[in-house]
C-alpha cells in the first residue's frame, strides 16, 4: 500500500514533521516576545496611597470656596486665563484658544433624588472676550461637550447652577464617541464615587498639541482631555487621574485611560496641588492607579 512518507531509515516520519513544526513555531513566538520586551517598556502602575493633608492645601481650598481643591492650577506666565466663578464650579477660561483650560468642582453625596430637565439650549458667556456662540459648533462633527457635568451639578446645586454649565465657557469640542460614551461613563464614576465616599473634588480640562485644528470662529479642537478626581479621608488624600484621546471608539472601559498627574502636567503645562510640600506632591502626582476605586 502506498504511504505518504518513506519508511526507510533517514526518512521523515509524520510525528517528526509535526514536532519540527511545533518547535519552529515556539521559537518564533519566543523571539517575537523577547523583542517586544526589549523595545516596549511596561507602564509604571502603582496603587495610589493616602497623602497627609497639609495646612497650606486646606487654606488654598478654603480660599477657593471649597470648590477648587488645593487652589487654582498654576499656569505658565504667558498663558492668560480669566477666572470664572459659578455657583457649582470654577473655570479658568482661555480667550485665545476659545476653550476653558480647566474647570474644578466639588460633588457631595446626594441624599435625595432631585431631577431637573435638561436645558434646551446653550448660551454665550458675556464674561469672556471671545464670546463663543453655540452656532459655531454647527456641522463641525464635534459635540458641545461639558467639562463641568450638567447632571451632577444640577442635582447638587439646583437649576441656576445647571444653566451655568450650559454657558459656552464650560463647553469644549468633543467627538460623539467620546462625549456620549466614554466621558459619560466617567461622569457616572464621579457621581458614584461622591455617593460612596461622601464628597470628592474634580479638576478637568483639554489637552492640546502643536498641531492646531479649529472649528467655527477659531475654536481650537483639543487632542485629548484629562480628569483628576480627589478623595479626602481621615487618612489623608488620594487621587485618580484619566487621560482620554479624541480618537476613542467609545467602547473602551474608563480604566483603560488611567494615568498619572505628572503626565497630565507635562502635556498641559498646568501645575496642580502646588501648596503641597515637594515630597508629598511627588508622591501624589507620580503614581498611576492600578484600578478604579
C-alpha atoms as a PDB file:
ATOM      1  CA  UNK A   1       0.000   0.000   0.000  1.00  0.00           C
ATOM      2  CA  UNK A   2       1.469   3.397  -0.865  1.00  0.00           C
ATOM      3  CA  UNK A   3       2.339   5.644   2.074  1.00  0.00           C
ATOM      4  CA  UNK A   4       2.618   9.386   2.439  1.00  0.00           C
ATOM      5  CA  UNK A   5       6.142   9.137   3.911  1.00  0.00           C
ATOM      6  CA  UNK A   6       9.008   6.810   3.010  1.00  0.00           C
ATOM      7  CA  UNK A   7       9.550   4.344   5.871  1.00  0.00           C
ATOM      8  CA  UNK A   8      13.185   3.632   5.137  1.00  0.00           C
ATOM      9  CA  UNK A   9      15.937   4.739   7.516  1.00  0.00           C
ATOM     10  CA  UNK A  10      16.531   8.529   7.493  1.00  0.00           C
ATOM     11  CA  UNK A  11      13.138   9.439   6.037  1.00  0.00           C
ATOM     12  CA  UNK A  12      10.924  11.912   7.927  1.00  0.00           C
ATOM     13  CA  UNK A  13       8.060  10.308   9.791  1.00  0.00           C
ATOM     14  CA  UNK A  14       4.762  12.188  10.424  1.00  0.00           C
ATOM     15  CA  UNK A  15       5.479  12.557  14.155  1.00  0.00           C
ATOM     16  CA  UNK A  16       8.924  14.009  13.394  1.00  0.00           C
ATOM     17  CA  UNK A  17       7.492  16.572  10.993  1.00  0.00           C
ATOM     18  CA  UNK A  18       4.834  17.696  13.478  1.00  0.00           C
ATOM     19  CA  UNK A  19       7.470  18.031  16.208  1.00  0.00           C
ATOM     20  CA  UNK A  20       9.673  20.173  13.937  1.00  0.00           C
ATOM     21  CA  UNK A  21       6.738  22.453  13.034  1.00  0.00           C
ATOM     22  CA  UNK A  22       5.799  22.920  16.716  1.00  0.00           C
ATOM     23  CA  UNK A  23       9.423  23.646  17.655  1.00  0.00           C
ATOM     24  CA  UNK A  24       9.802  26.278  14.939  1.00  0.00           C
ATOM     25  CA  UNK A  25       6.507  27.873  15.964  1.00  0.00           C
ATOM     26  CA  UNK A  26       7.604  28.017  19.616  1.00  0.00           C
ATOM     27  CA  UNK A  27      10.953  29.562  18.665  1.00  0.00           C
ATOM     28  CA  UNK A  28       9.201  32.198  16.522  1.00  0.00           C
ATOM     29  CA  UNK A  29       6.835  33.174  19.338  1.00  0.00           C
ATOM     30  CA  UNK A  30       9.682  33.328  21.868  1.00  0.00           C
ATOM     31  CA  UNK A  31      11.784  35.560  19.602  1.00  0.00           C
ATOM     32  CA  UNK A  32       8.806  37.914  18.992  1.00  0.00           C
ATOM     33  CA  UNK A  33       8.021  38.420  22.674  1.00  0.00           C
ATOM     34  CA  UNK A  34      11.710  38.771  23.580  1.00  0.00           C
ATOM     35  CA  UNK A  35      11.953  41.574  21.020  1.00  0.00           C
ATOM     36  CA  UNK A  36       8.780  43.227  22.379  1.00  0.00           C
ATOM     37  CA  UNK A  37      10.144  43.107  25.922  1.00  0.00           C
ATOM     38  CA  UNK A  38      13.283  44.921  24.775  1.00  0.00           C
ATOM     39  CA  UNK A  39      11.506  47.656  22.821  1.00  0.00           C
ATOM     40  CA  UNK A  40       8.340  48.283  24.873  1.00  0.00           C
ATOM     41  CA  UNK A  41       8.553  49.469  28.464  1.00  0.00           C
ATOM     42  CA  UNK A  42       5.575  48.441  30.569  1.00  0.00           C
ATOM     43  CA  UNK A  43       3.764  51.347  32.257  1.00  0.00           C
ATOM     44  CA  UNK A  44       4.584  52.029  35.866  1.00  0.00           C
ATOM     45  CA  UNK A  45       1.425  51.204  37.790  1.00  0.00           C
ATOM     46  CA  UNK A  46       1.283  51.947  41.492  1.00  0.00           C
ATOM     47  CA  UNK A  47      -1.788  51.818  43.678  1.00  0.00           C
ATOM     48  CA  UNK A  48      -2.433  55.346  44.996  1.00  0.00           C
ATOM     49  CA  UNK A  49      -1.788  55.824  48.694  1.00  0.00           C
ATOM     50  CA  UNK A  50      -3.104  58.464  51.057  1.00  0.00           C
ATOM     51  CA  UNK A  51      -1.006  61.614  51.396  1.00  0.00           C
ATOM     52  CA  UNK A  52      -1.286  63.591  54.655  1.00  0.00           C
ATOM     53  CA  UNK A  53      -3.453  66.702  54.350  1.00  0.00           C
ATOM     54  CA  UNK A  54      -1.245  69.754  54.802  1.00  0.00           C
ATOM     55  CA  UNK A  55      -2.383  73.084  56.223  1.00  0.00           C
ATOM     56  CA  UNK A  56      -1.386  75.082  53.110  1.00  0.00           C
ATOM     57  CA  UNK A  57      -3.539  72.825  50.920  1.00  0.00           C
ATOM     58  CA  UNK A  58      -6.522  73.249  53.235  1.00  0.00           C
ATOM     59  CA  UNK A  59      -6.093  77.026  53.262  1.00  0.00           C
ATOM     60  CA  UNK A  60      -5.943  77.306  49.452  1.00  0.00           C
ATOM     61  CA  UNK A  61      -9.022  75.113  49.102  1.00  0.00           C
ATOM     62  CA  UNK A  62     -10.881  77.310  51.596  1.00  0.00           C
ATOM     63  CA  UNK A  63      -9.838  80.439  49.675  1.00  0.00           C
ATOM     64  CA  UNK A  64     -11.497  78.930  46.585  1.00  0.00           C
ATOM     65  CA  UNK A  65     -14.836  78.476  48.399  1.00  0.00           C
ATOM     66  CA  UNK A  66     -14.024  74.764  48.845  1.00  0.00           C
ATOM     67  CA  UNK A  67     -14.610  74.288  45.103  1.00  0.00           C
ATOM     68  CA  UNK A  68     -11.062  74.183  43.661  1.00  0.00           C
ATOM     69  CA  UNK A  69      -9.099  71.632  45.657  1.00  0.00           C
ATOM     70  CA  UNK A  70      -5.644  72.890  46.562  1.00  0.00           C
ATOM     71  CA  UNK A  71      -6.122  76.226  44.827  1.00  0.00           C
ATOM     72  CA  UNK A  72      -6.258  77.269  41.183  1.00  0.00           C
ATOM     73  CA  UNK A  73      -3.863  75.317  38.937  1.00  0.00           C
ATOM     74  CA  UNK A  74      -0.781  77.394  38.208  1.00  0.00           C
ATOM     75  CA  UNK A  75      -0.018  78.188  34.551  1.00  0.00           C
ATOM     76  CA  UNK A  76       2.914  79.477  32.543  1.00  0.00           C
ATOM     77  CA  UNK A  77       3.319  83.249  32.819  1.00  0.00           C
ATOM     78  CA  UNK A  78       2.421  83.825  29.152  1.00  0.00           C
ATOM     79  CA  UNK A  79      -0.891  81.960  29.469  1.00  0.00           C
ATOM     80  CA  UNK A  80      -3.712  84.404  30.111  1.00  0.00           C
ATOM     81  CA  UNK A  81      -6.780  82.953  31.803  1.00  0.00           C
ATOM     82  CA  UNK A  82      -9.984  84.522  33.063  1.00  0.00           C
ATOM     83  CA  UNK A  83     -11.262  83.036  36.324  1.00  0.00           C
ATOM     84  CA  UNK A  84     -14.998  82.450  36.050  1.00  0.00           C
ATOM     85  CA  UNK A  85     -16.749  81.803  39.362  1.00  0.00           C
ATOM     86  CA  UNK A  86     -20.005  79.926  39.031  1.00  0.00           C
ATOM     87  CA  UNK A  87     -22.383  78.538  41.630  1.00  0.00           C
ATOM     88  CA  UNK A  88     -21.255  74.935  41.322  1.00  0.00           C
ATOM     89  CA  UNK A  89     -17.857  75.178  39.620  1.00  0.00           C
ATOM     90  CA  UNK A  90     -14.967  77.483  38.755  1.00  0.00           C
ATOM     91  CA  UNK A  91     -13.309  77.682  35.334  1.00  0.00           C
ATOM     92  CA  UNK A  92     -10.011  79.004  34.015  1.00  0.00           C
ATOM     93  CA  UNK A  93     -11.006  80.291  30.566  1.00  0.00           C
ATOM     94  CA  UNK A  94      -8.583  80.986  27.696  1.00  0.00           C
ATOM     95  CA  UNK A  95      -9.897  83.504  25.167  1.00  0.00           C
ATOM     96  CA  UNK A  96      -7.001  82.786  22.812  1.00  0.00           C
ATOM     97  CA  UNK A  97      -7.957  79.110  22.458  1.00  0.00           C
ATOM     98  CA  UNK A  98     -11.674  79.875  22.985  1.00  0.00           C
ATOM     99  CA  UNK A  99     -11.798  76.989  25.448  1.00  0.00           C
ATOM    100  CA  UNK A 100     -11.688  76.570  29.212  1.00  0.00           C
ATOM    101  CA  UNK A 101      -8.254  75.176  30.130  1.00  0.00           C
ATOM    102  CA  UNK A 102      -9.606  73.768  33.382  1.00  0.00           C
ATOM    103  CA  UNK A 103     -12.763  73.511  35.446  1.00  0.00           C
ATOM    104  CA  UNK A 104     -12.980  72.445  39.076  1.00  0.00           C
ATOM    105  CA  UNK A 105     -15.888  71.424  41.282  1.00  0.00           C
ATOM    106  CA  UNK A 106     -16.869  69.518  44.410  1.00  0.00           C
ATOM    107  CA  UNK A 107     -19.524  66.814  44.457  1.00  0.00           C
ATOM    108  CA  UNK A 108     -21.130  65.742  47.718  1.00  0.00           C
ATOM    109  CA  UNK A 109     -23.224  62.632  48.148  1.00  0.00           C
ATOM    110  CA  UNK A 110     -26.865  63.029  47.101  1.00  0.00           C
ATOM    111  CA  UNK A 111     -29.290  62.319  49.939  1.00  0.00           C
ATOM    112  CA  UNK A 112     -32.343  62.593  47.680  1.00  0.00           C
ATOM    113  CA  UNK A 113     -33.301  62.274  44.039  1.00  0.00           C
ATOM    114  CA  UNK A 114     -33.524  65.735  42.512  1.00  0.00           C
ATOM    115  CA  UNK A 115     -34.133  65.504  38.790  1.00  0.00           C
ATOM    116  CA  UNK A 116     -34.130  68.567  36.573  1.00  0.00           C
ATOM    117  CA  UNK A 117     -34.957  68.641  32.881  1.00  0.00           C
ATOM    118  CA  UNK A 118     -32.079  69.277  30.517  1.00  0.00           C
ATOM    119  CA  UNK A 119     -31.972  72.900  29.234  1.00  0.00           C
ATOM    120  CA  UNK A 120     -32.914  73.183  25.579  1.00  0.00           C
ATOM    121  CA  UNK A 121     -30.050  75.435  24.521  1.00  0.00           C
ATOM    122  CA  UNK A 122     -26.546  76.677  25.246  1.00  0.00           C
ATOM    123  CA  UNK A 123     -25.733  80.329  25.868  1.00  0.00           C
ATOM    124  CA  UNK A 124     -22.952  82.849  25.194  1.00  0.00           C
ATOM    125  CA  UNK A 125     -20.898  83.757  28.272  1.00  0.00           C
ATOM    126  CA  UNK A 126     -20.565  87.539  28.147  1.00  0.00           C
ATOM    127  CA  UNK A 127     -17.880  87.468  30.841  1.00  0.00           C
ATOM    128  CA  UNK A 128     -15.443  86.227  28.167  1.00  0.00           C
ATOM    129  CA  UNK A 129     -13.880  88.332  25.424  1.00  0.00           C
ATOM    130  CA  UNK A 130     -14.270  85.651  22.758  1.00  0.00           C
ATOM    131  CA  UNK A 131     -17.992  85.178  23.452  1.00  0.00           C
ATOM    132  CA  UNK A 132     -18.255  81.871  21.640  1.00  0.00           C
ATOM    133  CA  UNK A 133     -21.678  81.313  20.113  1.00  0.00           C
ATOM    134  CA  UNK A 134     -23.277  77.833  20.244  1.00  0.00           C
ATOM    135  CA  UNK A 135     -23.923  78.078  16.490  1.00  0.00           C
ATOM    136  CA  UNK A 136     -20.170  77.972  15.831  1.00  0.00           C
ATOM    137  CA  UNK A 137     -20.247  74.225  16.520  1.00  0.00           C
ATOM    138  CA  UNK A 138     -22.923  73.577  13.855  1.00  0.00           C
ATOM    139  CA  UNK A 139     -21.975  70.902  11.286  1.00  0.00           C
ATOM    140  CA  UNK A 140     -18.456  70.694  12.735  1.00  0.00           C
ATOM    141  CA  UNK A 141     -18.615  66.981  13.519  1.00  0.00           C
ATOM    142  CA  UNK A 142     -17.999  67.757  17.201  1.00  0.00           C
ATOM    143  CA  UNK A 143     -20.395  67.764  20.138  1.00  0.00           C
ATOM    144  CA  UNK A 144     -20.680  70.635  22.580  1.00  0.00           C
ATOM    145  CA  UNK A 145     -19.055  68.731  25.417  1.00  0.00           C
ATOM    146  CA  UNK A 146     -19.476  69.736  29.069  1.00  0.00           C
ATOM    147  CA  UNK A 147     -16.398  69.907  31.270  1.00  0.00           C
ATOM    148  CA  UNK A 148     -18.377  70.566  34.467  1.00  0.00           C
ATOM    149  CA  UNK A 149     -21.186  67.996  34.176  1.00  0.00           C
ATOM    150  CA  UNK A 150     -24.803  69.018  33.740  1.00  0.00           C
ATOM    151  CA  UNK A 151     -26.443  66.303  35.851  1.00  0.00           C
ATOM    152  CA  UNK A 152     -24.029  66.194  38.779  1.00  0.00           C
ATOM    153  CA  UNK A 153     -24.016  69.987  39.188  1.00  0.00           C
ATOM    154  CA  UNK A 154     -27.808  70.223  38.778  1.00  0.00           C
ATOM    155  CA  UNK A 155     -28.596  67.587  41.404  1.00  0.00           C
ATOM    156  CA  UNK A 156     -26.371  69.253  43.985  1.00  0.00           C
ATOM    157  CA  UNK A 157     -26.652  72.981  43.306  1.00  0.00           C
ATOM    158  CA  UNK A 158     -30.012  73.475  41.584  1.00  0.00           C
ATOM    159  CA  UNK A 159     -31.391  74.946  38.388  1.00  0.00           C
ATOM    160  CA  UNK A 160     -29.357  78.172  38.203  1.00  0.00           C
ATOM    161  CA  UNK A 161     -26.138  76.202  38.621  1.00  0.00           C
ATOM    162  CA  UNK A 162     -27.263  73.771  35.935  1.00  0.00           C
ATOM    163  CA  UNK A 163     -27.863  76.621  33.491  1.00  0.00           C
ATOM    164  CA  UNK A 164     -24.304  77.851  34.095  1.00  0.00           C
ATOM    165  CA  UNK A 165     -22.954  74.502  32.870  1.00  0.00           C
ATOM    166  CA  UNK A 166     -24.623  75.298  29.535  1.00  0.00           C
ATOM    167  CA  UNK A 167     -22.645  78.529  29.092  1.00  0.00           C
ATOM    168  CA  UNK A 168     -20.118  78.183  26.275  1.00  0.00           C
ATOM    169  CA  UNK A 169     -17.293  78.938  28.727  1.00  0.00           C
ATOM    170  CA  UNK A 170     -17.834  75.374  30.024  1.00  0.00           C
ATOM    171  CA  UNK A 171     -18.023  73.767  26.586  1.00  0.00           C
ATOM    172  CA  UNK A 172     -15.308  72.044  24.521  1.00  0.00           C
ATOM    173  CA  UNK A 173     -15.325  70.289  21.119  1.00  0.00           C
ATOM    174  CA  UNK A 174     -15.609  66.530  21.741  1.00  0.00           C
ATOM    175  CA  UNK A 175     -16.165  63.703  19.291  1.00  0.00           C
ATOM    176  CA  UNK A 176     -19.545  61.976  19.725  1.00  0.00           C
ATOM    177  CA  UNK A 177     -17.787  58.712  20.621  1.00  0.00           C
ATOM    178  CA  UNK A 178     -16.019  60.453  23.485  1.00  0.00           C
ATOM    179  CA  UNK A 179     -18.767  62.786  24.690  1.00  0.00           C
ATOM    180  CA  UNK A 180     -21.719  60.407  24.588  1.00  0.00           C
ATOM    181  CA  UNK A 181     -19.968  57.250  25.714  1.00  0.00           C
ATOM    182  CA  UNK A 182     -16.565  57.306  27.444  1.00  0.00           C
ATOM    183  CA  UNK A 183     -16.952  60.777  29.002  1.00  0.00           C
ATOM    184  CA  UNK A 184     -20.469  59.912  30.130  1.00  0.00           C
ATOM    185  CA  UNK A 185     -19.211  56.765  31.857  1.00  0.00           C
ATOM    186  CA  UNK A 186     -16.511  58.810  33.559  1.00  0.00           C
ATOM    187  CA  UNK A 187     -19.144  61.237  34.865  1.00  0.00           C
ATOM    188  CA  UNK A 188     -21.080  58.248  36.229  1.00  0.00           C
ATOM    189  CA  UNK A 189     -17.908  57.113  38.016  1.00  0.00           C
ATOM    190  CA  UNK A 190     -17.614  60.574  39.618  1.00  0.00           C
ATOM    191  CA  UNK A 191     -21.187  60.523  40.880  1.00  0.00           C
ATOM    192  CA  UNK A 192     -20.828  57.004  42.258  1.00  0.00           C
ATOM    193  CA  UNK A 193     -17.588  57.993  43.972  1.00  0.00           C
ATOM    194  CA  UNK A 194     -19.234  61.024  45.582  1.00  0.00           C
ATOM    195  CA  UNK A 195     -22.195  58.976  46.787  1.00  0.00           C
ATOM    196  CA  UNK A 196     -19.960  56.224  48.167  1.00  0.00           C
ATOM    197  CA  UNK A 197     -17.335  58.467  49.776  1.00  0.00           C
ATOM    198  CA  UNK A 198     -19.367  61.452  50.960  1.00  0.00           C
ATOM    199  CA  UNK A 199     -17.585  64.036  48.817  1.00  0.00           C
ATOM    200  CA  UNK A 200     -14.959  64.302  46.103  1.00  0.00           C
ATOM    201  CA  UNK A 201     -13.284  67.090  44.144  1.00  0.00           C
ATOM    202  CA  UNK A 202     -12.706  67.066  40.387  1.00  0.00           C
ATOM    203  CA  UNK A 203     -10.449  69.014  38.021  1.00  0.00           C
ATOM    204  CA  UNK A 204     -10.939  68.508  34.262  1.00  0.00           C
ATOM    205  CA  UNK A 205      -9.721  70.105  31.073  1.00  0.00           C
ATOM    206  CA  UNK A 206      -8.461  69.772  27.485  1.00  0.00           C
ATOM    207  CA  UNK A 207      -5.057  68.789  26.142  1.00  0.00           C
ATOM    208  CA  UNK A 208      -3.647  70.494  23.013  1.00  0.00           C
ATOM    209  CA  UNK A 209      -0.617  69.676  20.918  1.00  0.00           C
ATOM    210  CA  UNK A 210       1.297  71.873  18.467  1.00  0.00           C
ATOM    211  CA  UNK A 211      -0.907  70.869  15.509  1.00  0.00           C
ATOM    212  CA  UNK A 212      -3.753  73.356  15.744  1.00  0.00           C
ATOM    213  CA  UNK A 213      -7.151  72.404  14.347  1.00  0.00           C
ATOM    214  CA  UNK A 214     -10.124  74.745  14.625  1.00  0.00           C
ATOM    215  CA  UNK A 215     -13.863  74.830  14.072  1.00  0.00           C
ATOM    216  CA  UNK A 216     -16.266  77.753  13.826  1.00  0.00           C
ATOM    217  CA  UNK A 217     -14.659  81.097  14.583  1.00  0.00           C
ATOM    218  CA  UNK A 218     -11.153  79.825  15.538  1.00  0.00           C
ATOM    219  CA  UNK A 219     -12.315  77.489  18.320  1.00  0.00           C
ATOM    220  CA  UNK A 220      -9.349  75.177  18.894  1.00  0.00           C
ATOM    221  CA  UNK A 221     -10.076  71.442  18.955  1.00  0.00           C
ATOM    222  CA  UNK A 222      -8.347  69.568  21.801  1.00  0.00           C
ATOM    223  CA  UNK A 223      -6.432  66.353  21.089  1.00  0.00           C
ATOM    224  CA  UNK A 224      -7.399  64.790  24.405  1.00  0.00           C
ATOM    225  CA  UNK A 225      -8.978  65.501  27.797  1.00  0.00           C
ATOM    226  CA  UNK A 226      -7.928  64.918  31.380  1.00  0.00           C
ATOM    227  CA  UNK A 227      -9.802  64.452  34.604  1.00  0.00           C
ATOM    228  CA  UNK A 228      -8.429  64.245  38.152  1.00  0.00           C
ATOM    229  CA  UNK A 229     -10.636  63.002  40.993  1.00  0.00           C
ATOM    230  CA  UNK A 230      -9.542  63.720  44.571  1.00  0.00           C
ATOM    231  CA  UNK A 231     -10.761  61.914  47.669  1.00  0.00           C
ATOM    232  CA  UNK A 232     -10.087  63.271  51.161  1.00  0.00           C
ATOM    233  CA  UNK A 233     -10.494  60.940  54.130  1.00  0.00           C
ATOM    234  CA  UNK A 234      -9.251  60.886  57.722  1.00  0.00           C
ATOM    235  CA  UNK A 235      -6.167  59.009  56.477  1.00  0.00           C
ATOM    236  CA  UNK A 236      -5.347  61.838  54.085  1.00  0.00           C
ATOM    237  CA  UNK A 237      -5.917  62.475  50.369  1.00  0.00           C
ATOM    238  CA  UNK A 238      -5.504  60.373  47.270  1.00  0.00           C
ATOM    239  CA  UNK A 239      -6.220  60.995  43.605  1.00  0.00           C
ATOM    240  CA  UNK A 240      -7.043  59.070  40.462  1.00  0.00           C
ATOM    241  CA  UNK A 241      -6.323  60.569  37.034  1.00  0.00           C
ATOM    242  CA  UNK A 242      -7.517  59.908  33.479  1.00  0.00           C
ATOM    243  CA  UNK A 243      -6.203  60.970  30.062  1.00  0.00           C
ATOM    244  CA  UNK A 244      -8.571  60.282  27.152  1.00  0.00           C
ATOM    245  CA  UNK A 245      -7.800  60.990  23.466  1.00  0.00           C
ATOM    246  CA  UNK A 246     -10.393  62.219  20.991  1.00  0.00           C
ATOM    247  CA  UNK A 247      -9.783  59.089  18.894  1.00  0.00           C
ATOM    248  CA  UNK A 248     -11.663  56.680  21.173  1.00  0.00           C
ATOM    249  CA  UNK A 249     -14.172  54.249  19.671  1.00  0.00           C
ATOM    250  CA  UNK A 250     -16.463  54.693  22.658  1.00  0.00           C
ATOM    251  CA  UNK A 251     -16.297  51.033  23.659  1.00  0.00           C
ATOM    252  CA  UNK A 252     -13.240  51.329  25.913  1.00  0.00           C
ATOM    253  CA  UNK A 253     -13.608  50.941  29.700  1.00  0.00           C
ATOM    254  CA  UNK A 254     -12.570  54.085  31.557  1.00  0.00           C
ATOM    255  CA  UNK A 255      -9.835  52.223  33.468  1.00  0.00           C
ATOM    256  CA  UNK A 256      -8.082  51.910  30.104  1.00  0.00           C
ATOM    257  CA  UNK A 257      -7.231  55.638  30.417  1.00  0.00           C
ATOM    258  CA  UNK A 258      -5.687  55.739  33.891  1.00  0.00           C
ATOM    259  CA  UNK A 259      -2.567  57.882  34.068  1.00  0.00           C
ATOM    260  CA  UNK A 260      -0.510  59.966  36.488  1.00  0.00           C
ATOM    261  CA  UNK A 261      -0.982  63.624  37.372  1.00  0.00           C
ATOM    262  CA  UNK A 262       2.645  64.165  36.390  1.00  0.00           C
ATOM    263  CA  UNK A 263       1.798  63.080  32.833  1.00  0.00           C
ATOM    264  CA  UNK A 264      -1.146  65.493  32.682  1.00  0.00           C
ATOM    265  CA  UNK A 265       1.027  68.362  33.938  1.00  0.00           C
ATOM    266  CA  UNK A 266       3.650  67.581  31.300  1.00  0.00           C
ATOM    267  CA  UNK A 267       1.065  67.727  28.489  1.00  0.00           C
ATOM    268  CA  UNK A 268      -0.917  70.766  29.677  1.00  0.00           C
ATOM    269  CA  UNK A 269       1.648  72.978  31.388  1.00  0.00           C
ATOM    270  CA  UNK A 270      -0.660  73.216  34.412  1.00  0.00           C
ATOM    271  CA  UNK A 271       0.657  72.744  37.952  1.00  0.00           C
ATOM    272  CA  UNK A 272      -1.799  71.112  40.356  1.00  0.00           C
ATOM    273  CA  UNK A 273      -1.666  70.920  44.165  1.00  0.00           C
ATOM    274  CA  UNK A 274       1.306  73.298  44.320  1.00  0.00           C
ATOM    275  CA  UNK A 275       0.713  74.196  48.021  1.00  0.00           C
ATOM    276  CA  UNK A 276       1.850  70.672  48.997  1.00  0.00           C
ATOM    277  CA  UNK A 277       5.399  70.096  50.157  1.00  0.00           C
ATOM    278  CA  UNK A 278       7.669  68.741  47.414  1.00  0.00           C
ATOM    279  CA  UNK A 279       7.779  65.231  48.875  1.00  0.00           C
ATOM    280  CA  UNK A 280       4.002  64.965  49.309  1.00  0.00           C
ATOM    281  CA  UNK A 281       3.312  66.449  45.863  1.00  0.00           C
ATOM    282  CA  UNK A 282       5.716  63.989  44.238  1.00  0.00           C
ATOM    283  CA  UNK A 283       4.068  61.018  45.967  1.00  0.00           C
ATOM    284  CA  UNK A 284       0.583  62.152  44.971  1.00  0.00           C
ATOM    285  CA  UNK A 285       1.361  63.027  41.362  1.00  0.00           C
ATOM    286  CA  UNK A 286       3.830  60.360  40.265  1.00  0.00           C
ATOM    287  CA  UNK A 287       1.642  57.279  40.803  1.00  0.00           C
ATOM    288  CA  UNK A 288      -0.848  55.723  38.399  1.00  0.00           C
ATOM    289  CA  UNK A 289      -3.811  53.875  39.892  1.00  0.00           C
ATOM    290  CA  UNK A 290      -3.846  50.141  39.183  1.00  0.00           C
ATOM    291  CA  UNK A 291      -7.656  50.092  39.065  1.00  0.00           C
ATOM    292  CA  UNK A 292     -10.723  52.193  39.770  1.00  0.00           C
ATOM    293  CA  UNK A 293     -11.722  52.890  43.371  1.00  0.00           C
END
